[in-house]
């Protein structure tokens, strides 16, 4: 709007070592089991995505290469209802397409991750 100052923008950055996965809960209560698209995508050093759990359950979040070979387990254990953020910093992986798979009981969600070195 003309004549009104722009609202302030606040930035925060996490300095995480390579190979680190960070998971942190957010406040919103989800209604559905969901795995968001990662951002940025394609990515180089790190990528972030969110997953939502509508009820307490065991969550498994894993990464596979395009051939279906297991790469890394990011999350494995019980989670309360809510939305969680995961920051993934892969180590020693080649550029390529990877698949992030979120499972809870019979539910499964898959997202494509593109690593560019």
PDB file of N, CA and C in Angstrom:
ATOM      1  N   UNK A   1       0.841  -1.184   0.000  1.00  0.00           N
ATOM      2  CA  UNK A   1       0.000   0.000   0.000  1.00  0.00           C
ATOM      3  C   UNK A   1       0.879   1.238   0.000  1.00  0.00           C
ATOM      4  N   UNK A   2       0.403   2.233  -0.693  1.00  0.00           N
ATOM      5  CA  UNK A   2       1.180   3.453  -0.796  1.00  0.00           C
ATOM      6  C   UNK A   2       1.122   4.230   0.513  1.00  0.00           C
ATOM      7  N   UNK A   3       2.257   4.759   0.921  1.00  0.00           N
ATOM      8  CA  UNK A   3       2.318   5.558   2.136  1.00  0.00           C
ATOM      9  C   UNK A   3       2.497   4.753   3.412  1.00  0.00           C
ATOM     10  N   UNK A   4       2.444   3.439   3.332  1.00  0.00           N
ATOM     11  CA  UNK A   4       2.638   2.605   4.515  1.00  0.00           C
ATOM     12  C   UNK A   4       3.992   1.926   4.424  1.00  0.00           C
ATOM     13  N   UNK A   5       4.727   1.897   5.536  1.00  0.00           N
ATOM     14  CA  UNK A   5       6.038   1.228   5.511  1.00  0.00           C
ATOM     15  C   UNK A   5       5.874  -0.275   5.323  1.00  0.00           C
ATOM     16  N   UNK A   6       6.866  -0.879   4.718  1.00  0.00           N
ATOM     17  CA  UNK A   6       6.865  -2.333   4.548  1.00  0.00           C
ATOM     18  C   UNK A   6       7.028  -3.003   5.903  1.00  0.00           C
ATOM     19  N   UNK A   7       6.337  -4.133   6.108  1.00  0.00           N
ATOM     20  CA  UNK A   7       6.511  -4.828   7.389  1.00  0.00           C
ATOM     21  C   UNK A   7       7.939  -5.372   7.489  1.00  0.00           C
ATOM     22  N   UNK A   8       8.473  -5.450   8.704  1.00  0.00           N
ATOM     23  CA  UNK A   8       9.834  -5.969   8.861  1.00  0.00           C
ATOM     24  C   UNK A   8       9.906  -7.448   8.486  1.00  0.00           C
ATOM     25  N   UNK A   9      11.021  -7.819   7.932  1.00  0.00           N
ATOM     26  CA  UNK A   9      11.268  -9.213   7.584  1.00  0.00           C
ATOM     27  C   UNK A   9      12.313  -9.748   8.539  1.00  0.00           C
ATOM     28  N   UNK A  10      12.040 -10.929   9.095  1.00  0.00           N
ATOM     29  CA  UNK A  10      13.023 -11.509  10.003  1.00  0.00           C
ATOM     30  C   UNK A  10      13.540 -12.802   9.392  1.00  0.00           C
ATOM     31  N   UNK A  11      14.849 -13.003   9.467  1.00  0.00           N
ATOM     32  CA  UNK A  11      15.508 -14.170   8.911  1.00  0.00           C
ATOM     33  C   UNK A  11      16.224 -14.908  10.017  1.00  0.00           C
ATOM     34  N   UNK A  12      16.242 -16.236   9.917  1.00  0.00           N
ATOM     35  CA  UNK A  12      17.058 -17.011  10.835  1.00  0.00           C
ATOM     36  C   UNK A  12      17.686 -18.147  10.047  1.00  0.00           C
ATOM     37  N   UNK A  13      18.934 -18.434  10.334  1.00  0.00           N
ATOM     38  CA  UNK A  13      19.661 -19.484   9.650  1.00  0.00           C
ATOM     39  C   UNK A  13      20.218 -20.450  10.680  1.00  0.00           C
ATOM     40  N   UNK A  14      20.172 -21.722  10.339  1.00  0.00           N
ATOM     41  CA  UNK A  14      20.725 -22.739  11.223  1.00  0.00           C
ATOM     42  C   UNK A  14      22.067 -23.172  10.672  1.00  0.00           C
ATOM     43  N   UNK A  15      23.087 -23.117  11.478  1.00  0.00           N
ATOM     44  CA  UNK A  15      24.402 -23.600  11.076  1.00  0.00           C
ATOM     45  C   UNK A  15      24.559 -25.037  11.533  1.00  0.00           C
ATOM     46  N   UNK A  16      24.287 -25.968  10.645  1.00  0.00           N
ATOM     47  CA  UNK A  16      24.353 -27.375  10.990  1.00  0.00           C
ATOM     48  C   UNK A  16      25.525 -28.035  10.281  1.00  0.00           C
ATOM     49  N   UNK A  17      26.195 -28.941  10.935  1.00  0.00           N
ATOM     50  CA  UNK A  17      27.301 -29.645  10.283  1.00  0.00           C
ATOM     51  C   UNK A  17      26.793 -30.541   9.163  1.00  0.00           C
ATOM     52  N   UNK A  18      27.660 -30.860   8.218  1.00  0.00           N
ATOM     53  CA  UNK A  18      27.303 -31.738   7.110  1.00  0.00           C
ATOM     54  C   UNK A  18      26.844 -33.084   7.651  1.00  0.00           C
ATOM     55  N   UNK A  19      25.890 -33.708   6.956  1.00  0.00           N
ATOM     56  CA  UNK A  19      25.380 -35.013   7.371  1.00  0.00           C
ATOM     57  C   UNK A  19      24.367 -34.937   8.491  1.00  0.00           C
ATOM     58  N   UNK A  20      23.986 -33.746   8.872  1.00  0.00           N
ATOM     59  CA  UNK A  20      23.096 -33.559  10.015  1.00  0.00           C
ATOM     60  C   UNK A  20      21.639 -33.523   9.564  1.00  0.00           C
ATOM     61  N   UNK A  21      20.778 -34.137  10.325  1.00  0.00           N
ATOM     62  CA  UNK A  21      19.341 -34.057  10.115  1.00  0.00           C
ATOM     63  C   UNK A  21      18.784 -33.358  11.334  1.00  0.00           C
ATOM     64  N   UNK A  22      17.978 -32.333  11.097  1.00  0.00           N
ATOM     65  CA  UNK A  22      17.340 -31.659  12.215  1.00  0.00           C
ATOM     66  C   UNK A  22      15.846 -31.813  12.077  1.00  0.00           C
ATOM     67  N   UNK A  23      15.193 -32.197  13.153  1.00  0.00           N
ATOM     68  CA  UNK A  23      13.753 -32.364  13.165  1.00  0.00           C
ATOM     69  C   UNK A  23      13.212 -31.474  14.270  1.00  0.00           C
ATOM     70  N   UNK A  24      12.220 -30.632  13.930  1.00  0.00           N
ATOM     71  CA  UNK A  24      11.648 -29.770  14.954  1.00  0.00           C
ATOM     72  C   UNK A  24      10.145 -29.640  14.737  1.00  0.00           C
ATOM     73  N   UNK A  25       9.348 -29.781  15.793  1.00  0.00           N
ATOM     74  CA  UNK A  25       7.902 -29.705  15.655  1.00  0.00           C
ATOM     75  C   UNK A  25       7.434 -28.269  15.460  1.00  0.00           C
ATOM     76  N   UNK A  26       6.312 -28.108  14.737  1.00  0.00           N
ATOM     77  CA  UNK A  26       5.676 -26.807  14.608  1.00  0.00           C
ATOM     78  C   UNK A  26       4.364 -26.857  15.383  1.00  0.00           C
ATOM     79  N   UNK A  27       3.636 -25.752  15.433  1.00  0.00           N
ATOM     80  CA  UNK A  27       2.457 -25.647  16.286  1.00  0.00           C
ATOM     81  C   UNK A  27       1.155 -26.147  15.658  1.00  0.00           C
ATOM     82  N   UNK A  28       0.998 -26.113  14.339  1.00  0.00           N
ATOM     83  CA  UNK A  28      -0.269 -26.450  13.692  1.00  0.00           C
ATOM     84  C   UNK A  28      -0.621 -27.927  13.881  1.00  0.00           C
ATOM     85  N   UNK A  29      -1.907 -28.206  14.114  1.00  0.00           N
ATOM     86  CA  UNK A  29      -2.376 -29.574  14.271  1.00  0.00           C
ATOM     87  C   UNK A  29      -2.933 -30.048  12.924  1.00  0.00           C
ATOM     88  N   UNK A  30      -2.277 -30.998  12.281  1.00  0.00           N
ATOM     89  CA  UNK A  30      -2.706 -31.438  10.953  1.00  0.00           C
ATOM     90  C   UNK A  30      -3.933 -32.347  10.995  1.00  0.00           C
ATOM     91  N   UNK A  31      -4.628 -32.409   9.870  1.00  0.00           N
ATOM     92  CA  UNK A  31      -5.785 -33.290   9.743  1.00  0.00           C
ATOM     93  C   UNK A  31      -5.470 -34.535   8.923  1.00  0.00           C
ATOM     94  N   UNK A  32      -4.382 -34.447   8.127  1.00  0.00           N
ATOM     95  CA  UNK A  32      -4.035 -35.570   7.245  1.00  0.00           C
ATOM     96  C   UNK A  32      -2.550 -35.899   7.354  1.00  0.00           C
ATOM     97  N   UNK A  33      -2.213 -37.130   7.003  1.00  0.00           N
ATOM     98  CA  UNK A  33      -0.838 -37.595   6.914  1.00  0.00           C
ATOM     99  C   UNK A  33      -0.267 -37.013   5.627  1.00  0.00           C
ATOM    100  N   UNK A  34       0.860 -36.282   5.722  1.00  0.00           N
ATOM    101  CA  UNK A  34       1.343 -35.548   4.552  1.00  0.00           C
ATOM    102  C   UNK A  34       2.859 -35.368   4.599  1.00  0.00           C
ATOM    103  N   UNK A  35       3.493 -35.453   3.433  1.00  0.00           N
ATOM    104  CA  UNK A  35       4.907 -35.129   3.265  1.00  0.00           C
ATOM    105  C   UNK A  35       4.986 -34.006   2.249  1.00  0.00           C
ATOM    106  N   UNK A  36       5.514 -32.860   2.662  1.00  0.00           N
ATOM    107  CA  UNK A  36       5.590 -31.709   1.760  1.00  0.00           C
ATOM    108  C   UNK A  36       6.704 -31.886   0.746  1.00  0.00           C
ATOM    109  N   UNK A  37       6.686 -31.057  -0.296  1.00  0.00           N
ATOM    110  CA  UNK A  37       7.799 -31.000  -1.240  1.00  0.00           C
ATOM    111  C   UNK A  37       8.973 -30.378  -0.518  1.00  0.00           C
ATOM    112  N   UNK A  38      10.148 -30.840  -0.851  1.00  0.00           N
ATOM    113  CA  UNK A  38      11.329 -30.264  -0.211  1.00  0.00           C
ATOM    114  C   UNK A  38      11.675 -28.920  -0.840  1.00  0.00           C
ATOM    115  N   UNK A  39      12.352 -28.093  -0.069  1.00  0.00           N
ATOM    116  CA  UNK A  39      12.784 -26.781  -0.543  1.00  0.00           C
ATOM    117  C   UNK A  39      14.184 -26.528  -0.032  1.00  0.00           C
ATOM    118  N   UNK A  40      15.105 -26.087  -0.846  1.00  0.00           N
ATOM    119  CA  UNK A  40      14.980 -25.955  -2.295  1.00  0.00           C
ATOM    120  C   UNK A  40      15.031 -27.319  -2.978  1.00  0.00           C
ATOM    121  N   UNK A  41      14.551 -27.345  -4.197  1.00  0.00           N
ATOM    122  CA  UNK A  41      14.607 -28.554  -5.016  1.00  0.00           C
ATOM    123  C   UNK A  41      14.677 -28.125  -6.471  1.00  0.00           C
ATOM    124  N   UNK A  42      15.780 -28.351  -7.128  1.00  0.00           N
ATOM    125  CA  UNK A  42      16.960 -29.101  -6.743  1.00  0.00           C
ATOM    126  C   UNK A  42      17.733 -28.395  -5.615  1.00  0.00           C
ATOM    127  N   UNK A  43      18.587 -29.181  -4.935  1.00  0.00           N
ATOM    128  CA  UNK A  43      19.374 -28.638  -3.831  1.00  0.00           C
ATOM    129  C   UNK A  43      20.814 -29.088  -3.961  1.00  0.00           C
ATOM    130  N   UNK A  44      21.683 -28.408  -3.180  1.00  0.00           N
ATOM    131  CA  UNK A  44      23.102 -28.728  -3.229  1.00  0.00           C
ATOM    132  C   UNK A  44      23.573 -29.268  -1.887  1.00  0.00           C
ATOM    133  N   UNK A  45      23.603 -28.433  -0.881  1.00  0.00           N
ATOM    134  CA  UNK A  45      24.134 -28.837   0.427  1.00  0.00           C
ATOM    135  C   UNK A  45      23.069 -29.345   1.388  1.00  0.00           C
ATOM    136  N   UNK A  46      21.883 -28.765   1.321  1.00  0.00           N
ATOM    137  CA  UNK A  46      20.831 -29.141   2.264  1.00  0.00           C
ATOM    138  C   UNK A  46      19.464 -28.880   1.656  1.00  0.00           C
ATOM    139  N   UNK A  47      18.481 -29.601   2.136  1.00  0.00           N
ATOM    140  CA  UNK A  47      17.095 -29.382   1.733  1.00  0.00           C
ATOM    141  C   UNK A  47      16.199 -29.548   2.956  1.00  0.00           C
ATOM    142  N   UNK A  48      15.051 -28.890   2.932  1.00  0.00           N
ATOM    143  CA  UNK A  48      14.120 -28.905   4.063  1.00  0.00           C
ATOM    144  C   UNK A  48      12.746 -29.348   3.581  1.00  0.00           C
ATOM    145  N   UNK A  49      12.092 -30.169   4.373  1.00  0.00           N
ATOM    146  CA  UNK A  49      10.703 -30.510   4.090  1.00  0.00           C
ATOM    147  C   UNK A  49       9.972 -30.715   5.402  1.00  0.00           C
ATOM    148  N   UNK A  50       8.653 -30.731   5.326  1.00  0.00           N
ATOM    149  CA  UNK A  50       7.789 -30.895   6.485  1.00  0.00           C
ATOM    150  C   UNK A  50       6.960 -32.159   6.309  1.00  0.00           C
ATOM    151  N   UNK A  51       6.670 -32.818   7.422  1.00  0.00           N
ATOM    152  CA  UNK A  51       5.712 -33.920   7.372  1.00  0.00           C
ATOM    153  C   UNK A  51       4.698 -33.736   8.489  1.00  0.00           C
ATOM    154  N   UNK A  52       3.449 -34.127   8.202  1.00  0.00           N
ATOM    155  CA  UNK A  52       2.343 -33.955   9.147  1.00  0.00           C
ATOM    156  C   UNK A  52       1.804 -35.299   9.582  1.00  0.00           C
ATOM    157  N   UNK A  53       1.555 -35.407  10.873  1.00  0.00           N
ATOM    158  CA  UNK A  53       1.037 -36.634  11.478  1.00  0.00           C
ATOM    159  C   UNK A  53      -0.239 -36.270  12.241  1.00  0.00           C
ATOM    160  N   UNK A  54      -1.422 -36.764  11.804  1.00  0.00           N
ATOM    161  CA  UNK A  54      -2.672 -36.379  12.459  1.00  0.00           C
ATOM    162  C   UNK A  54      -2.936 -37.080  13.789  1.00  0.00           C
ATOM    163  N   UNK A  55      -2.264 -38.220  14.012  1.00  0.00           N
ATOM    164  CA  UNK A  55      -2.442 -38.932  15.282  1.00  0.00           C
ATOM    165  C   UNK A  55      -1.117 -39.581  15.678  1.00  0.00           C
ATOM    166  N   UNK A  56      -0.961 -39.837  16.954  1.00  0.00           N
ATOM    167  CA  UNK A  56       0.287 -40.437  17.434  1.00  0.00           C
ATOM    168  C   UNK A  56       0.538 -41.761  16.715  1.00  0.00           C
ATOM    169  N   UNK A  57       1.753 -41.913  16.206  1.00  0.00           N
ATOM    170  CA  UNK A  57       2.094 -43.136  15.482  1.00  0.00           C
ATOM    171  C   UNK A  57       3.602 -43.240  15.289  1.00  0.00           C
ATOM    172  N   UNK A  58       4.034 -44.423  14.891  1.00  0.00           N
ATOM    173  CA  UNK A  58       5.453 -44.616  14.567  1.00  0.00           C
ATOM    174  C   UNK A  58       5.689 -44.079  13.155  1.00  0.00           C
ATOM    175  N   UNK A  59       6.691 -43.254  13.019  1.00  0.00           N
ATOM    176  CA  UNK A  59       7.023 -42.625  11.742  1.00  0.00           C
ATOM    177  C   UNK A  59       8.381 -43.129  11.276  1.00  0.00           C
ATOM    178  N   UNK A  60       8.458 -43.468  10.000  1.00  0.00           N
ATOM    179  CA  UNK A  60       9.727 -43.817   9.376  1.00  0.00           C
ATOM    180  C   UNK A  60       9.890 -42.921   8.158  1.00  0.00           C
ATOM    181  N   UNK A  61      11.006 -42.217   8.098  1.00  0.00           N
ATOM    182  CA  UNK A  61      11.319 -41.327   6.988  1.00  0.00           C
ATOM    183  C   UNK A  61      12.681 -41.735   6.448  1.00  0.00           C
ATOM    184  N   UNK A  62      12.709 -42.197   5.191  1.00  0.00           N
ATOM    185  CA  UNK A  62      13.939 -42.727   4.615  1.00  0.00           C
ATOM    186  C   UNK A  62      14.182 -42.129   3.234  1.00  0.00           C
ATOM    187  N   UNK A  63      15.448 -42.185   2.810  1.00  0.00           N
ATOM    188  CA  UNK A  63      15.838 -41.728   1.486  1.00  0.00           C
ATOM    189  C   UNK A  63      16.381 -42.920   0.715  1.00  0.00           C
ATOM    190  N   UNK A  64      15.964 -43.027  -0.548  1.00  0.00           N
ATOM    191  CA  UNK A  64      16.410 -44.078  -1.463  1.00  0.00           C
ATOM    192  C   UNK A  64      16.945 -43.432  -2.730  1.00  0.00           C
ATOM    193  N   UNK A  65      17.852 -44.114  -3.412  1.00  0.00           N
ATOM    194  CA  UNK A  65      18.289 -43.602  -4.708  1.00  0.00           C
ATOM    195  C   UNK A  65      17.250 -44.003  -5.754  1.00  0.00           C
ATOM    196  N   UNK A  66      17.436 -43.537  -6.986  1.00  0.00           N
ATOM    197  CA  UNK A  66      16.447 -43.770  -8.036  1.00  0.00           C
ATOM    198  C   UNK A  66      16.302 -45.259  -8.381  1.00  0.00           C
ATOM    199  N   UNK A  67      17.302 -46.072  -8.035  1.00  0.00           N
ATOM    200  CA  UNK A  67      17.232 -47.518  -8.274  1.00  0.00           C
ATOM    201  C   UNK A  67      16.496 -48.254  -7.156  1.00  0.00           C
ATOM    202  N   UNK A  68      16.095 -47.501  -6.121  1.00  0.00           N
ATOM    203  CA  UNK A  68      15.394 -48.109  -4.995  1.00  0.00           C
ATOM    204  C   UNK A  68      16.306 -48.610  -3.900  1.00  0.00           C
ATOM    205  N   UNK A  69      17.597 -48.300  -3.982  1.00  0.00           N
ATOM    206  CA  UNK A  69      18.552 -48.714  -2.953  1.00  0.00           C
ATOM    207  C   UNK A  69      18.461 -47.759  -1.754  1.00  0.00           C
ATOM    208  N   UNK A  70      18.432 -48.315  -0.564  1.00  0.00           N
ATOM    209  CA  UNK A  70      18.384 -47.524   0.670  1.00  0.00           C
ATOM    210  C   UNK A  70      19.615 -46.624   0.771  1.00  0.00           C
ATOM    211  N   UNK A  71      19.405 -45.353   1.148  1.00  0.00           N
ATOM    212  CA  UNK A  71      20.495 -44.392   1.320  1.00  0.00           C
ATOM    213  C   UNK A  71      20.658 -43.990   2.784  1.00  0.00           C
ATOM    214  N   UNK A  72      19.558 -43.539   3.403  1.00  0.00           N
ATOM    215  CA  UNK A  72      19.658 -43.064   4.783  1.00  0.00           C
ATOM    216  C   UNK A  72      18.286 -43.033   5.455  1.00  0.00           C
ATOM    217  N   UNK A  73      18.265 -43.368   6.753  1.00  0.00           N
ATOM    218  CA  UNK A  73      17.048 -43.249   7.561  1.00  0.00           C
ATOM    219  C   UNK A  73      17.152 -41.931   8.326  1.00  0.00           C
ATOM    220  N   UNK A  74      16.159 -41.072   8.135  1.00  0.00           N
ATOM    221  CA  UNK A  74      16.162 -39.757   8.770  1.00  0.00           C
ATOM    222  C   UNK A  74      15.365 -39.729  10.067  1.00  0.00           C
ATOM    223  N   UNK A  75      14.276 -40.502  10.117  1.00  0.00           N
ATOM    224  CA  UNK A  75      13.414 -40.540  11.303  1.00  0.00           C
ATOM    225  C   UNK A  75      12.924 -41.975  11.470  1.00  0.00           C
ATOM    226  N   UNK A  76      12.906 -42.457  12.716  1.00  0.00           N
ATOM    227  CA  UNK A  76      12.344 -43.772  13.010  1.00  0.00           C
ATOM    228  C   UNK A  76      11.930 -43.789  14.471  1.00  0.00           C
ATOM    229  N   UNK A  77      10.637 -43.678  14.696  1.00  0.00           N
ATOM    230  CA  UNK A  77      10.155 -43.728  16.068  1.00  0.00           C
ATOM    231  C   UNK A  77       8.787 -43.108  16.227  1.00  0.00           C
ATOM    232  N   UNK A  78       8.273 -43.161  17.451  1.00  0.00           N
ATOM    233  CA  UNK A  78       6.939 -42.615  17.708  1.00  0.00           C
ATOM    234  C   UNK A  78       6.940 -41.092  17.623  1.00  0.00           C
ATOM    235  N   UNK A  79       5.861 -40.546  17.092  1.00  0.00           N
ATOM    236  CA  UNK A  79       5.687 -39.100  17.004  1.00  0.00           C
ATOM    237  C   UNK A  79       4.278 -38.750  17.450  1.00  0.00           C
ATOM    238  N   UNK A  80       4.148 -37.636  18.127  1.00  0.00           N
ATOM    239  CA  UNK A  80       2.851 -37.108  18.527  1.00  0.00           C
ATOM    240  C   UNK A  80       2.203 -36.424  17.325  1.00  0.00           C
ATOM    241  N   UNK A  81       0.890 -36.187  17.384  1.00  0.00           N
ATOM    242  CA  UNK A  81       0.245 -35.463  16.298  1.00  0.00           C
ATOM    243  C   UNK A  81       0.897 -34.085  16.131  1.00  0.00           C
ATOM    244  N   UNK A  82       1.079 -33.676  14.903  1.00  0.00           N
ATOM    245  CA  UNK A  82       1.664 -32.377  14.633  1.00  0.00           C
ATOM    246  C   UNK A  82       2.426 -32.383  13.324  1.00  0.00           C
ATOM    247  N   UNK A  83       3.065 -31.256  13.054  1.00  0.00           N
ATOM    248  CA  UNK A  83       3.867 -31.094  11.849  1.00  0.00           C
ATOM    249  C   UNK A  83       5.315 -30.933  12.264  1.00  0.00           C
ATOM    250  N   UNK A  84       6.197 -31.641  11.589  1.00  0.00           N
ATOM    251  CA  UNK A  84       7.624 -31.602  11.903  1.00  0.00           C
ATOM    252  C   UNK A  84       8.417 -31.153  10.689  1.00  0.00           C
ATOM    253  N   UNK A  85       9.513 -30.475  10.957  1.00  0.00           N
ATOM    254  CA  UNK A  85      10.421 -30.022   9.906  1.00  0.00           C
ATOM    255  C   UNK A  85      11.684 -30.867   9.969  1.00  0.00           C
ATOM    256  N   UNK A  86      12.167 -31.275   8.804  1.00  0.00           N
ATOM    257  CA  UNK A  86      13.404 -32.030   8.705  1.00  0.00           C
ATOM    258  C   UNK A  86      14.335 -31.302   7.750  1.00  0.00           C
ATOM    259  N   UNK A  87      15.552 -31.055   8.198  1.00  0.00           N
ATOM    260  CA  UNK A  87      16.596 -30.496   7.344  1.00  0.00           C
ATOM    261  C   UNK A  87      17.581 -31.625   7.093  1.00  0.00           C
ATOM    262  N   UNK A  88      17.795 -31.931   5.834  1.00  0.00           N
ATOM    263  CA  UNK A  88      18.683 -33.029   5.463  1.00  0.00           C
ATOM    264  C   UNK A  88      19.904 -32.489   4.742  1.00  0.00           C
ATOM    265  N   UNK A  89      21.090 -32.861   5.245  1.00  0.00           N
ATOM    266  CA  UNK A  89      22.371 -32.493   4.653  1.00  0.00           C
ATOM    267  C   UNK A  89      23.089 -33.797   4.286  1.00  0.00           C
ATOM    268  N   UNK A  90      22.883 -34.276   3.065  1.00  0.00           N
ATOM    269  CA  UNK A  90      23.513 -35.546   2.686  1.00  0.00           C
ATOM    270  C   UNK A  90      25.021 -35.407   2.558  1.00  0.00           C
ATOM    271  N   UNK A  91      25.724 -36.453   2.919  1.00  0.00           N
ATOM    272  CA  UNK A  91      27.189 -36.493   2.813  1.00  0.00           C
ATOM    273  C   UNK A  91      27.607 -37.571   1.829  1.00  0.00           C
ATOM    274  N   UNK A  92      28.527 -37.237   0.949  1.00  0.00           N
ATOM    275  CA  UNK A  92      29.133 -38.225   0.076  1.00  0.00           C
ATOM    276  C   UNK A  92      28.235 -38.805  -0.990  1.00  0.00           C
ATOM    277  N   UNK A  93      27.145 -38.144  -1.326  1.00  0.00           N
ATOM    278  CA  UNK A  93      26.254 -38.652  -2.359  1.00  0.00           C
ATOM    279  C   UNK A  93      26.525 -37.944  -3.676  1.00  0.00           C
ATOM    280  N   UNK A  94      26.350 -38.674  -4.766  1.00  0.00           N
ATOM    281  CA  UNK A  94      26.516 -38.104  -6.100  1.00  0.00           C
ATOM    282  C   UNK A  94      25.265 -37.328  -6.498  1.00  0.00           C
ATOM    283  N   UNK A  95      25.426 -36.430  -7.450  1.00  0.00           N
ATOM    284  CA  UNK A  95      24.271 -35.736  -8.019  1.00  0.00           C
ATOM    285  C   UNK A  95      23.300 -36.775  -8.555  1.00  0.00           C
ATOM    286  N   UNK A  96      22.019 -36.480  -8.458  1.00  0.00           N
ATOM    287  CA  UNK A  96      21.032 -37.406  -8.990  1.00  0.00           C
ATOM    288  C   UNK A  96      19.677 -37.229  -8.349  1.00  0.00           C
ATOM    289  N   UNK A  97      18.781 -38.123  -8.708  1.00  0.00           N
ATOM    290  CA  UNK A  97      17.420 -38.110  -8.187  1.00  0.00           C
ATOM    291  C   UNK A  97      17.333 -39.108  -7.038  1.00  0.00           C
ATOM    292  N   UNK A  98      16.756 -38.657  -5.940  1.00  0.00           N
ATOM    293  CA  UNK A  98      16.554 -39.492  -4.766  1.00  0.00           C
ATOM    294  C   UNK A  98      15.075 -39.441  -4.391  1.00  0.00           C
ATOM    295  N   UNK A  99      14.625 -40.431  -3.668  1.00  0.00           N
ATOM    296  CA  UNK A  99      13.238 -40.496  -3.232  1.00  0.00           C
ATOM    297  C   UNK A  99      13.186 -40.472  -1.712  1.00  0.00           C
ATOM    298  N   UNK A 100      12.365 -39.595  -1.178  1.00  0.00           N
ATOM    299  CA  UNK A 100      12.136 -39.524   0.260  1.00  0.00           C
ATOM    300  C   UNK A 100      10.803 -40.223   0.532  1.00  0.00           C
ATOM    301  N   UNK A 101      10.818 -41.225   1.404  1.00  0.00           N
ATOM    302  CA  UNK A 101       9.631 -42.040   1.667  1.00  0.00           C
ATOM    303  C   UNK A 101       9.239 -41.882   3.135  1.00  0.00           C
ATOM    304  N   UNK A 102       7.993 -41.449   3.358  1.00  0.00           N
ATOM    305  CA  UNK A 102       7.437 -41.298   4.699  1.00  0.00           C
ATOM    306  C   UNK A 102       6.411 -42.402   4.901  1.00  0.00           C
ATOM    307  N   UNK A 103       6.561 -43.186   5.997  1.00  0.00           N
ATOM    308  CA  UNK A 103       5.636 -44.276   6.284  1.00  0.00           C
ATOM    309  C   UNK A 103       5.115 -44.187   7.707  1.00  0.00           C
ATOM    310  N   UNK A 104       3.848 -44.546   7.838  1.00  0.00           N
ATOM    311  CA  UNK A 104       3.212 -44.677   9.145  1.00  0.00           C
ATOM    312  C   UNK A 104       2.127 -45.732   8.997  1.00  0.00           C
ATOM    313  N   UNK A 105       2.367 -46.913   9.560  1.00  0.00           N
ATOM    314  CA  UNK A 105       1.406 -48.006   9.383  1.00  0.00           C
ATOM    315  C   UNK A 105       1.252 -48.319   7.902  1.00  0.00           C
ATOM    316  N   UNK A 106       0.005 -48.303   7.402  1.00  0.00           N
ATOM    317  CA  UNK A 106      -0.268 -48.591   5.990  1.00  0.00           C
ATOM    318  C   UNK A 106      -0.135 -47.354   5.106  1.00  0.00           C
ATOM    319  N   UNK A 107       0.018 -46.174   5.706  1.00  0.00           N
ATOM    320  CA  UNK A 107       0.149 -44.928   4.940  1.00  0.00           C
ATOM    321  C   UNK A 107       1.569 -44.732   4.454  1.00  0.00           C
ATOM    322  N   UNK A 108       1.702 -44.243   3.215  1.00  0.00           N
ATOM    323  CA  UNK A 108       3.020 -43.958   2.661  1.00  0.00           C
ATOM    324  C   UNK A 108       2.919 -42.756   1.722  1.00  0.00           C
ATOM    325  N   UNK A 109       3.915 -41.872   1.808  1.00  0.00           N
ATOM    326  CA  UNK A 109       4.023 -40.723   0.903  1.00  0.00           C
ATOM    327  C   UNK A 109       5.442 -40.709   0.357  1.00  0.00           C
ATOM    328  N   UNK A 110       5.592 -40.302  -0.911  1.00  0.00           N
ATOM    329  CA  UNK A 110       6.898 -40.277  -1.560  1.00  0.00           C
ATOM    330  C   UNK A 110       7.090 -38.923  -2.243  1.00  0.00           C
ATOM    331  N   UNK A 111       8.306 -38.387  -2.118  1.00  0.00           N
ATOM    332  CA  UNK A 111       8.680 -37.133  -2.795  1.00  0.00           C
ATOM    333  C   UNK A 111      10.018 -37.327  -3.493  1.00  0.00           C
ATOM    334  N   UNK A 112      10.151 -36.685  -4.646  1.00  0.00           N
ATOM    335  CA  UNK A 112      11.381 -36.747  -5.423  1.00  0.00           C
ATOM    336  C   UNK A 112      12.309 -35.596  -4.995  1.00  0.00           C
ATOM    337  N   UNK A 113      13.562 -35.931  -4.705  1.00  0.00           N
ATOM    338  CA  UNK A 113      14.573 -34.960  -4.328  1.00  0.00           C
ATOM    339  C   UNK A 113      15.645 -34.961  -5.414  1.00  0.00           C
ATOM    340  N   UNK A 114      16.095 -33.774  -5.829  1.00  0.00           N
ATOM    341  CA  UNK A 114      17.132 -33.689  -6.861  1.00  0.00           C
ATOM    342  C   UNK A 114      18.365 -33.037  -6.253  1.00  0.00           C
ATOM    343  N   UNK A 115      19.436 -33.825  -6.141  1.00  0.00           N
ATOM    344  CA  UNK A 115      20.705 -33.354  -5.592  1.00  0.00           C
ATOM    345  C   UNK A 115      21.616 -32.957  -6.752  1.00  0.00           C
ATOM    346  N   UNK A 116      22.109 -31.719  -6.724  1.00  0.00           N
ATOM    347  CA  UNK A 116      22.997 -31.203  -7.770  1.00  0.00           C
ATOM    348  C   UNK A 116      24.281 -30.748  -7.106  1.00  0.00           C
ATOM    349  N   UNK A 117      25.392 -31.350  -7.477  1.00  0.00           N
ATOM    350  CA  UNK A 117      26.702 -30.975  -6.897  1.00  0.00           C
ATOM    351  C   UNK A 117      27.460 -30.082  -7.842  1.00  0.00           C
TER     352      UNK A 117
END
